[in-house]
């Protein structure tokens, strides 16, 4: 995993999977509530899902960087 391209491919795969998971979770949550949510609440839910996604992608990136260092 010394090549940068290997790390980027793994990060891309992990990021895509996590994005699908969290966007699907957020949309299922909105559908499960089944009330007329105001636009700001849906925006907050999207922001929370994106924030969790960003933290997880950063964690994967940091783990891969640590592995490369060893």
C-alpha atoms as a PDB file:
ATOM      1  CA  UNK A   1       0.000   0.000   0.000  1.00  0.00           C
ATOM      2  CA  UNK A   2       2.914   2.313  -0.594  1.00  0.00           C
ATOM      3  CA  UNK A   3       1.434   3.663  -3.800  1.00  0.00           C
ATOM      4  CA  UNK A   4      -0.789   6.675  -3.470  1.00  0.00           C
ATOM      5  CA  UNK A   5      -3.157   5.278  -6.083  1.00  0.00           C
ATOM      6  CA  UNK A   6      -3.882   2.200  -3.937  1.00  0.00           C
ATOM      7  CA  UNK A   7      -4.804   4.389  -0.994  1.00  0.00           C
ATOM      8  CA  UNK A   8      -7.022   6.618  -3.139  1.00  0.00           C
ATOM      9  CA  UNK A   9      -8.878   3.654  -4.627  1.00  0.00           C
ATOM     10  CA  UNK A  10      -9.554   2.158  -1.194  1.00  0.00           C
ATOM     11  CA  UNK A  11     -10.663   5.558   0.105  1.00  0.00           C
ATOM     12  CA  UNK A  12     -12.960   6.031  -2.893  1.00  0.00           C
ATOM     13  CA  UNK A  13     -14.575   2.633  -2.364  1.00  0.00           C
ATOM     14  CA  UNK A  14     -15.012   3.234   1.367  1.00  0.00           C
ATOM     15  CA  UNK A  15     -16.378   6.743   0.812  1.00  0.00           C
ATOM     16  CA  UNK A  16     -18.890   5.569  -1.787  1.00  0.00           C
ATOM     17  CA  UNK A  17     -20.173   2.790   0.444  1.00  0.00           C
ATOM     18  CA  UNK A  18     -20.477   5.078   3.450  1.00  0.00           C
ATOM     19  CA  UNK A  19     -22.211   7.779   1.431  1.00  0.00           C
ATOM     20  CA  UNK A  20     -24.809   5.321   0.142  1.00  0.00           C
ATOM     21  CA  UNK A  21     -25.323   3.967   3.654  1.00  0.00           C
ATOM     22  CA  UNK A  22     -25.800   7.336   5.340  1.00  0.00           C
ATOM     23  CA  UNK A  23     -27.915   8.973   2.646  1.00  0.00           C
ATOM     24  CA  UNK A  24     -30.148   5.896   2.603  1.00  0.00           C
ATOM     25  CA  UNK A  25     -30.360   5.993   6.397  1.00  0.00           C
ATOM     26  CA  UNK A  26     -31.273   9.673   6.406  1.00  0.00           C
ATOM     27  CA  UNK A  27     -33.951   9.261   3.745  1.00  0.00           C
ATOM     28  CA  UNK A  28     -35.389   6.239   5.557  1.00  0.00           C
ATOM     29  CA  UNK A  29     -35.498   8.269   8.769  1.00  0.00           C
ATOM     30  CA  UNK A  30     -37.388  11.085   7.057  1.00  0.00           C
ATOM     31  CA  UNK A  31     -39.806   8.567   5.533  1.00  0.00           C
ATOM     32  CA  UNK A  32     -40.291   6.769   8.861  1.00  0.00           C
ATOM     33  CA  UNK A  33     -41.276   9.968  10.629  1.00  0.00           C
ATOM     34  CA  UNK A  34     -44.047  10.439   8.029  1.00  0.00           C
ATOM     35  CA  UNK A  35     -44.951  13.933   9.041  1.00  0.00           C
ATOM     36  CA  UNK A  36     -44.658  17.062   7.027  1.00  0.00           C
ATOM     37  CA  UNK A  37     -41.182  18.074   8.021  1.00  0.00           C
ATOM     38  CA  UNK A  38     -40.178  21.625   7.480  1.00  0.00           C
ATOM     39  CA  UNK A  39     -37.304  22.213   5.110  1.00  0.00           C
ATOM     40  CA  UNK A  40     -34.872  23.167   7.851  1.00  0.00           C
ATOM     41  CA  UNK A  41     -35.304  19.836   9.662  1.00  0.00           C
ATOM     42  CA  UNK A  42     -34.540  17.872   6.521  1.00  0.00           C
ATOM     43  CA  UNK A  43     -31.527  20.105   5.945  1.00  0.00           C
ATOM     44  CA  UNK A  44     -30.326  19.419   9.494  1.00  0.00           C
ATOM     45  CA  UNK A  45     -30.698  15.664   8.955  1.00  0.00           C
ATOM     46  CA  UNK A  46     -28.727  15.874   5.701  1.00  0.00           C
ATOM     47  CA  UNK A  47     -26.040  17.917   7.458  1.00  0.00           C
ATOM     48  CA  UNK A  48     -25.775  15.379  10.288  1.00  0.00           C
ATOM     49  CA  UNK A  49     -25.517  12.518   7.792  1.00  0.00           C
ATOM     50  CA  UNK A  50     -22.835  14.408   5.840  1.00  0.00           C
ATOM     51  CA  UNK A  51     -20.903  15.272   9.018  1.00  0.00           C
ATOM     52  CA  UNK A  52     -20.830  11.618  10.110  1.00  0.00           C
ATOM     53  CA  UNK A  53     -19.775  10.643   6.587  1.00  0.00           C
ATOM     54  CA  UNK A  54     -16.955  13.202   6.589  1.00  0.00           C
ATOM     55  CA  UNK A  55     -15.679  12.038   9.983  1.00  0.00           C
ATOM     56  CA  UNK A  56     -15.681   8.396   8.880  1.00  0.00           C
ATOM     57  CA  UNK A  57     -13.891   9.161   5.614  1.00  0.00           C
ATOM     58  CA  UNK A  58     -11.277  11.137   7.532  1.00  0.00           C
ATOM     59  CA  UNK A  59     -10.877   8.182   9.897  1.00  0.00           C
ATOM     60  CA  UNK A  60     -10.318   5.789   6.998  1.00  0.00           C
ATOM     61  CA  UNK A  61      -7.809   8.208   5.474  1.00  0.00           C
ATOM     62  CA  UNK A  62      -5.939   8.580   8.784  1.00  0.00           C
ATOM     63  CA  UNK A  63      -5.834   4.800   9.260  1.00  0.00           C
ATOM     64  CA  UNK A  64      -4.442   4.289   5.765  1.00  0.00           C
ATOM     65  CA  UNK A  65      -1.847   7.013   6.345  1.00  0.00           C
ATOM     66  CA  UNK A  66      -0.783   5.339   9.606  1.00  0.00           C
ATOM     67  CA  UNK A  67      -0.458   1.971   7.847  1.00  0.00           C
ATOM     68  CA  UNK A  68       1.728   3.571   5.168  1.00  0.00           C
ATOM     69  CA  UNK A  69       3.943   5.028   7.889  1.00  0.00           C
ATOM     70  CA  UNK A  70       4.603   1.605   9.382  1.00  0.00           C
END
